Amino acid sequence: MSAPTVSMEGRAMKTPDPTKKAESSAPNSAKFTGTDNPRHLRAITVLIRRPVSRQELDSVAGASNSPELVAELRRRGLDVPCERINFIDRDGYPCRPGVYSLSPADRRKVYQWQAKGHQRGGAA
């Protein structure tokens, strides 16, 4: 069964299936390769503590495109699932913003990487 489509400015777009669990777009790697990128480190630091919205991750990490930052972390071996939540925007319209978190496996990978003496990240 294919996802329903909606038309947006003449383009057909698939709508997400709300019954499916959020999944990573990258294959799961058995190991986190680590990073020394300050934006990655700030993102990891806040994600270890709690789930964060895309907008908040932009602010905390110092990035203007946190979905790409998350994609970079995924290419390095983390899952970083994104859960779409139901929300009402400031104009009263329903929307589905994304909230990023670390999976239990991600936490293990980061803790193992940190235990090997690598950086622990910046202040969040």
N, C-alpha and C. Protein backbone atom coordinates (compact mmCIF):
# COMPACT_ATOMS: atom_id res chain seq x y z
N MET A 1 0.84 -1.18 0.00
CA MET A 1 0.00 0.00 0.00
C MET A 1 0.89 1.24 0.00
N SER A 2 0.67 2.14 -0.93
CA SER A 2 1.50 3.34 -0.99
C SER A 2 0.88 4.43 -0.13
N ALA A 3 1.72 5.38 0.27
CA ALA A 3 1.26 6.48 1.12
C ALA A 3 0.38 7.41 0.31
N PRO A 4 -0.66 8.00 0.97
CA PRO A 4 -1.50 8.95 0.26
C PRO A 4 -0.68 10.16 -0.16
N THR A 5 -1.09 10.81 -1.23
CA THR A 5 -0.36 12.00 -1.68
C THR A 5 -1.23 13.22 -1.55
N VAL A 6 -0.60 14.35 -1.35
CA VAL A 6 -1.28 15.63 -1.33
C VAL A 6 -0.61 16.52 -2.36
N SER A 7 -1.37 17.41 -2.95
CA SER A 7 -0.83 18.31 -3.95
C SER A 7 -0.40 19.59 -3.26
N MET A 8 0.80 20.04 -3.57
CA MET A 8 1.32 21.27 -2.99
C MET A 8 2.01 22.04 -4.10
N GLU A 9 1.41 23.14 -4.50
CA GLU A 9 1.93 23.96 -5.58
C GLU A 9 2.20 23.14 -6.82
N GLY A 10 1.25 22.27 -7.18
CA GLY A 10 1.38 21.48 -8.39
C GLY A 10 2.26 20.25 -8.25
N ARG A 11 2.85 20.02 -7.07
CA ARG A 11 3.71 18.85 -6.86
C ARG A 11 3.00 17.87 -5.94
N ALA A 12 3.12 16.61 -6.26
CA ALA A 12 2.52 15.58 -5.40
C ALA A 12 3.53 15.22 -4.32
N MET A 13 3.08 15.20 -3.08
CA MET A 13 3.96 14.86 -1.96
C MET A 13 3.32 13.75 -1.16
N LYS A 14 4.13 12.82 -0.70
CA LYS A 14 3.62 11.74 0.14
C LYS A 14 3.42 12.26 1.56
N THR A 15 2.35 11.80 2.19
CA THR A 15 2.13 12.16 3.58
C THR A 15 2.57 10.98 4.44
N PRO A 16 3.20 11.27 5.61
CA PRO A 16 3.67 10.17 6.45
C PRO A 16 2.51 9.38 7.03
N ASP A 17 2.76 8.09 7.22
CA ASP A 17 1.77 7.21 7.83
C ASP A 17 1.84 7.39 9.34
N PRO A 18 0.80 7.96 9.98
CA PRO A 18 0.88 8.22 11.42
C PRO A 18 0.88 6.96 12.27
N THR A 19 0.57 5.80 11.68
CA THR A 19 0.56 4.56 12.45
C THR A 19 1.93 3.92 12.54
N LYS A 20 2.89 4.39 11.73
CA LYS A 20 4.23 3.80 11.74
C LYS A 20 5.13 4.50 12.75
N LYS A 21 6.01 3.74 13.36
CA LYS A 21 6.98 4.25 14.31
C LYS A 21 8.07 5.00 13.55
N ALA A 22 8.57 6.09 14.13
CA ALA A 22 9.64 6.85 13.50
C ALA A 22 10.86 5.97 13.30
N GLU A 23 11.45 6.08 12.12
CA GLU A 23 12.63 5.29 11.81
C GLU A 23 13.71 6.18 11.23
N SER A 24 14.94 5.76 11.39
CA SER A 24 16.06 6.47 10.81
C SER A 24 16.09 6.22 9.31
N SER A 25 16.53 7.24 8.56
CA SER A 25 16.66 7.07 7.12
C SER A 25 18.00 6.43 6.76
N ALA A 26 18.87 6.26 7.72
CA ALA A 26 20.18 5.66 7.46
C ALA A 26 20.23 4.26 8.06
N PRO A 27 20.97 3.37 7.42
CA PRO A 27 21.11 2.03 7.99
C PRO A 27 21.84 2.09 9.33
N ASN A 28 21.48 1.21 10.23
CA ASN A 28 22.10 1.18 11.55
C ASN A 28 23.52 0.64 11.45
N SER A 29 24.45 1.40 11.94
CA SER A 29 25.83 0.97 11.99
C SER A 29 26.10 0.42 13.38
N ALA A 30 26.94 -0.59 13.46
CA ALA A 30 27.24 -1.20 14.75
C ALA A 30 28.10 -0.29 15.61
N LYS A 31 28.71 0.75 15.01
CA LYS A 31 29.64 1.58 15.75
C LYS A 31 29.49 3.05 15.36
N PHE A 32 29.57 3.91 16.36
CA PHE A 32 29.61 5.35 16.12
C PHE A 32 31.05 5.71 15.83
N THR A 33 31.30 6.33 14.69
CA THR A 33 32.68 6.63 14.30
C THR A 33 33.26 7.83 15.03
N GLY A 34 32.41 8.56 15.76
CA GLY A 34 32.89 9.70 16.52
C GLY A 34 32.93 10.97 15.69
N THR A 35 33.23 12.08 16.35
CA THR A 35 33.29 13.37 15.68
C THR A 35 34.08 14.36 16.51
N ASP A 36 34.64 15.34 15.84
CA ASP A 36 35.25 16.45 16.56
C ASP A 36 34.61 17.77 16.12
N ASN A 37 33.52 17.67 15.36
CA ASN A 37 32.78 18.83 14.89
C ASN A 37 32.04 19.46 16.08
N PRO A 38 32.28 20.75 16.38
CA PRO A 38 31.63 21.38 17.54
C PRO A 38 30.10 21.33 17.48
N ARG A 39 29.51 21.45 16.29
CA ARG A 39 28.05 21.38 16.18
C ARG A 39 27.55 19.98 16.52
N HIS A 40 28.26 18.96 16.05
CA HIS A 40 27.88 17.58 16.38
C HIS A 40 27.96 17.38 17.89
N LEU A 41 29.04 17.87 18.48
CA LEU A 41 29.24 17.67 19.92
C LEU A 41 28.16 18.37 20.74
N ARG A 42 27.78 19.59 20.33
CA ARG A 42 26.71 20.29 21.06
C ARG A 42 25.38 19.55 20.89
N ALA A 43 25.12 19.04 19.68
CA ALA A 43 23.88 18.29 19.45
C ALA A 43 23.85 17.02 20.29
N ILE A 44 24.95 16.28 20.31
CA ILE A 44 25.02 15.05 21.10
C ILE A 44 24.82 15.35 22.58
N THR A 45 25.43 16.43 23.06
CA THR A 45 25.31 16.80 24.47
C THR A 45 23.86 17.02 24.88
N VAL A 46 23.10 17.74 24.06
CA VAL A 46 21.70 17.99 24.43
C VAL A 46 20.85 16.75 24.20
N LEU A 47 21.13 15.96 23.15
CA LEU A 47 20.34 14.77 22.88
C LEU A 47 20.55 13.68 23.93
N ILE A 48 21.71 13.66 24.58
CA ILE A 48 21.95 12.72 25.68
C ILE A 48 21.00 13.04 26.84
N ARG A 49 20.72 14.32 27.02
CA ARG A 49 19.88 14.77 28.14
C ARG A 49 18.39 14.55 27.90
N ARG A 50 17.92 14.87 26.66
CA ARG A 50 16.47 14.85 26.42
C ARG A 50 16.19 14.96 24.93
N PRO A 51 14.98 14.61 24.52
CA PRO A 51 14.56 14.84 23.13
C PRO A 51 14.46 16.35 22.86
N VAL A 52 14.75 16.77 21.63
CA VAL A 52 14.67 18.19 21.27
C VAL A 52 14.01 18.37 19.91
N SER A 53 13.30 19.47 19.79
CA SER A 53 12.67 19.80 18.51
C SER A 53 13.72 20.23 17.50
N ARG A 54 13.33 20.23 16.25
CA ARG A 54 14.24 20.67 15.19
C ARG A 54 14.66 22.12 15.43
N GLN A 55 13.72 22.98 15.80
CA GLN A 55 14.04 24.39 16.02
C GLN A 55 15.01 24.56 17.19
N GLU A 56 14.78 23.82 18.26
CA GLU A 56 15.67 23.92 19.41
C GLU A 56 17.06 23.38 19.07
N LEU A 57 17.13 22.32 18.29
CA LEU A 57 18.42 21.77 17.91
C LEU A 57 19.19 22.77 17.06
N ASP A 58 18.51 23.51 16.17
CA ASP A 58 19.16 24.58 15.42
C ASP A 58 19.84 25.55 16.37
N SER A 59 19.09 25.98 17.38
CA SER A 59 19.59 26.98 18.32
C SER A 59 20.75 26.45 19.16
N VAL A 60 20.58 25.27 19.72
CA VAL A 60 21.59 24.70 20.61
C VAL A 60 22.88 24.36 19.86
N ALA A 61 22.74 23.78 18.69
CA ALA A 61 23.93 23.35 17.94
C ALA A 61 24.59 24.49 17.20
N GLY A 62 23.87 25.60 17.02
CA GLY A 62 24.44 26.71 16.27
C GLY A 62 24.34 26.48 14.77
N ALA A 63 23.34 25.73 14.36
CA ALA A 63 23.15 25.41 12.94
C ALA A 63 21.83 26.03 12.48
N SER A 64 21.72 26.22 11.17
CA SER A 64 20.44 26.69 10.63
C SER A 64 19.74 25.58 9.86
N ASN A 65 20.35 24.39 9.84
CA ASN A 65 19.76 23.26 9.13
C ASN A 65 20.03 21.98 9.93
N SER A 66 19.35 21.85 11.06
CA SER A 66 19.60 20.69 11.91
C SER A 66 19.24 19.36 11.25
N PRO A 67 18.29 19.28 10.30
CA PRO A 67 18.09 17.99 9.64
C PRO A 67 19.36 17.48 8.94
N GLU A 68 20.15 18.39 8.36
CA GLU A 68 21.41 17.97 7.75
C GLU A 68 22.42 17.57 8.82
N LEU A 69 22.44 18.28 9.94
CA LEU A 69 23.32 17.92 11.05
C LEU A 69 22.99 16.51 11.54
N VAL A 70 21.70 16.21 11.67
CA VAL A 70 21.27 14.87 12.09
C VAL A 70 21.67 13.84 11.03
N ALA A 71 21.53 14.18 9.76
CA ALA A 71 21.94 13.26 8.69
C ALA A 71 23.44 12.95 8.79
N GLU A 72 24.23 13.96 9.15
CA GLU A 72 25.67 13.73 9.34
C GLU A 72 25.92 12.76 10.49
N LEU A 73 25.19 12.92 11.60
CA LEU A 73 25.34 12.00 12.73
C LEU A 73 24.91 10.59 12.33
N ARG A 74 23.88 10.48 11.52
CA ARG A 74 23.43 9.17 11.04
C ARG A 74 24.49 8.52 10.17
N ARG A 75 25.14 9.31 9.32
CA ARG A 75 26.21 8.75 8.48
C ARG A 75 27.39 8.29 9.32
N ARG A 76 27.52 8.80 10.52
CA ARG A 76 28.60 8.41 11.43
C ARG A 76 28.21 7.23 12.31
N GLY A 77 26.98 6.72 12.15
CA GLY A 77 26.61 5.49 12.84
C GLY A 77 25.51 5.59 13.87
N LEU A 78 24.94 6.78 14.09
CA LEU A 78 23.84 6.90 15.05
C LEU A 78 22.50 6.81 14.31
N ASP A 79 21.45 6.41 15.04
CA ASP A 79 20.11 6.34 14.45
C ASP A 79 19.41 7.69 14.50
N VAL A 80 19.42 8.34 15.64
CA VAL A 80 18.76 9.62 15.90
C VAL A 80 17.34 9.64 15.29
N PRO A 81 16.43 8.84 15.86
CA PRO A 81 15.07 8.83 15.33
C PRO A 81 14.39 10.19 15.49
N CYS A 82 13.48 10.46 14.58
CA CYS A 82 12.69 11.69 14.61
C CYS A 82 11.23 11.32 14.74
N GLU A 83 10.61 11.73 15.84
CA GLU A 83 9.19 11.45 16.04
C GLU A 83 8.40 12.69 15.63
N ARG A 84 7.41 12.49 14.78
CA ARG A 84 6.54 13.59 14.37
C ARG A 84 5.41 13.69 15.39
N ILE A 85 5.26 14.86 16.00
CA ILE A 85 4.23 15.05 17.01
C ILE A 85 3.12 15.94 16.45
N ASN A 86 1.94 15.85 17.05
CA ASN A 86 0.83 16.73 16.69
C ASN A 86 0.97 18.01 17.49
N PHE A 87 0.83 19.14 16.81
CA PHE A 87 1.06 20.43 17.45
C PHE A 87 0.16 21.46 16.78
N ILE A 88 -0.14 22.53 17.48
CA ILE A 88 -0.89 23.65 16.91
C ILE A 88 0.08 24.83 16.82
N ASP A 89 0.24 25.38 15.60
CA ASP A 89 1.19 26.49 15.44
C ASP A 89 0.61 27.80 15.97
N ARG A 90 1.39 28.86 15.92
CA ARG A 90 0.98 30.14 16.50
C ARG A 90 -0.26 30.73 15.84
N ASP A 91 -0.57 30.29 14.63
CA ASP A 91 -1.76 30.76 13.93
C ASP A 91 -2.97 29.86 14.15
N GLY A 92 -2.80 28.84 14.99
CA GLY A 92 -3.90 27.94 15.31
C GLY A 92 -4.08 26.79 14.34
N TYR A 93 -3.10 26.57 13.46
CA TYR A 93 -3.19 25.47 12.50
C TYR A 93 -2.45 24.23 13.01
N PRO A 94 -3.02 23.06 12.76
CA PRO A 94 -2.31 21.83 13.16
C PRO A 94 -1.07 21.63 12.29
N CYS A 95 -0.02 21.15 12.90
CA CYS A 95 1.20 20.83 12.17
C CYS A 95 1.86 19.62 12.82
N ARG A 96 2.90 19.08 12.21
CA ARG A 96 3.57 17.88 12.71
C ARG A 96 5.07 18.11 12.80
N PRO A 97 5.53 18.91 13.76
CA PRO A 97 6.98 19.13 13.87
C PRO A 97 7.71 17.87 14.33
N GLY A 98 8.99 17.81 14.00
CA GLY A 98 9.81 16.67 14.38
C GLY A 98 10.53 16.90 15.69
N VAL A 99 10.65 15.83 16.47
CA VAL A 99 11.40 15.86 17.73
C VAL A 99 12.46 14.76 17.66
N TYR A 100 13.73 15.16 17.75
CA TYR A 100 14.84 14.22 17.67
C TYR A 100 15.20 13.68 19.05
N SER A 101 15.69 12.45 19.08
CA SER A 101 16.16 11.85 20.33
C SER A 101 17.24 10.83 19.98
N LEU A 102 17.91 10.36 21.01
CA LEU A 102 18.86 9.26 20.83
C LEU A 102 18.17 7.97 21.26
N SER A 103 18.33 6.93 20.47
CA SER A 103 17.80 5.62 20.84
C SER A 103 18.69 5.03 21.94
N PRO A 104 18.21 4.01 22.64
CA PRO A 104 19.07 3.36 23.64
C PRO A 104 20.39 2.86 23.02
N ALA A 105 20.32 2.36 21.79
CA ALA A 105 21.55 1.90 21.12
C ALA A 105 22.48 3.08 20.83
N ASP A 106 21.91 4.23 20.45
CA ASP A 106 22.72 5.44 20.22
C ASP A 106 23.44 5.85 21.49
N ARG A 107 22.72 5.82 22.61
CA ARG A 107 23.33 6.21 23.88
C ARG A 107 24.52 5.30 24.22
N ARG A 108 24.34 4.00 24.00
CA ARG A 108 25.44 3.06 24.25
C ARG A 108 26.64 3.39 23.36
N LYS A 109 26.38 3.65 22.08
CA LYS A 109 27.46 3.97 21.15
C LYS A 109 28.21 5.24 21.58
N VAL A 110 27.46 6.27 21.98
CA VAL A 110 28.09 7.53 22.39
C VAL A 110 28.88 7.32 23.68
N TYR A 111 28.29 6.62 24.65
CA TYR A 111 28.99 6.36 25.92
C TYR A 111 30.27 5.55 25.69
N GLN A 112 30.22 4.57 24.80
CA GLN A 112 31.42 3.78 24.50
C GLN A 112 32.48 4.65 23.84
N TRP A 113 32.07 5.52 22.94
CA TRP A 113 33.00 6.42 22.27
C TRP A 113 33.63 7.37 23.29
N GLN A 114 32.81 7.90 24.21
CA GLN A 114 33.33 8.80 25.23
C GLN A 114 34.27 8.08 26.19
N ALA A 115 33.97 6.83 26.51
CA ALA A 115 34.80 6.06 27.44
C ALA A 115 36.20 5.81 26.89
N LYS A 116 36.33 5.87 25.59
CA LYS A 116 37.64 5.68 24.97
C LYS A 116 38.47 6.95 25.00
N GLY A 117 37.98 7.96 25.74
CA GLY A 117 38.76 9.18 25.93
C GLY A 117 38.48 10.27 24.91
N HIS A 118 37.39 10.14 24.18
CA HIS A 118 37.06 11.17 23.20
C HIS A 118 36.29 12.29 23.85
N GLN A 119 36.09 13.37 23.10
CA GLN A 119 35.44 14.57 23.64
C GLN A 119 34.05 14.27 24.15
N ARG A 120 33.64 15.06 25.14
CA ARG A 120 32.31 14.91 25.73
C ARG A 120 31.33 15.97 25.26
N GLY A 121 31.74 16.87 24.41
CA GLY A 121 30.81 17.85 23.87
C GLY A 121 30.87 19.17 24.60
N GLY A 122 30.24 20.16 24.00
CA GLY A 122 30.23 21.50 24.56
C GLY A 122 29.03 21.72 25.45
N ALA A 123 28.95 22.93 25.97
CA ALA A 123 27.80 23.28 26.81
C ALA A 123 26.54 23.40 25.97
N ALA A 124 25.43 22.99 26.54
CA ALA A 124 24.17 23.06 25.78
C ALA A 124 23.29 24.15 26.29
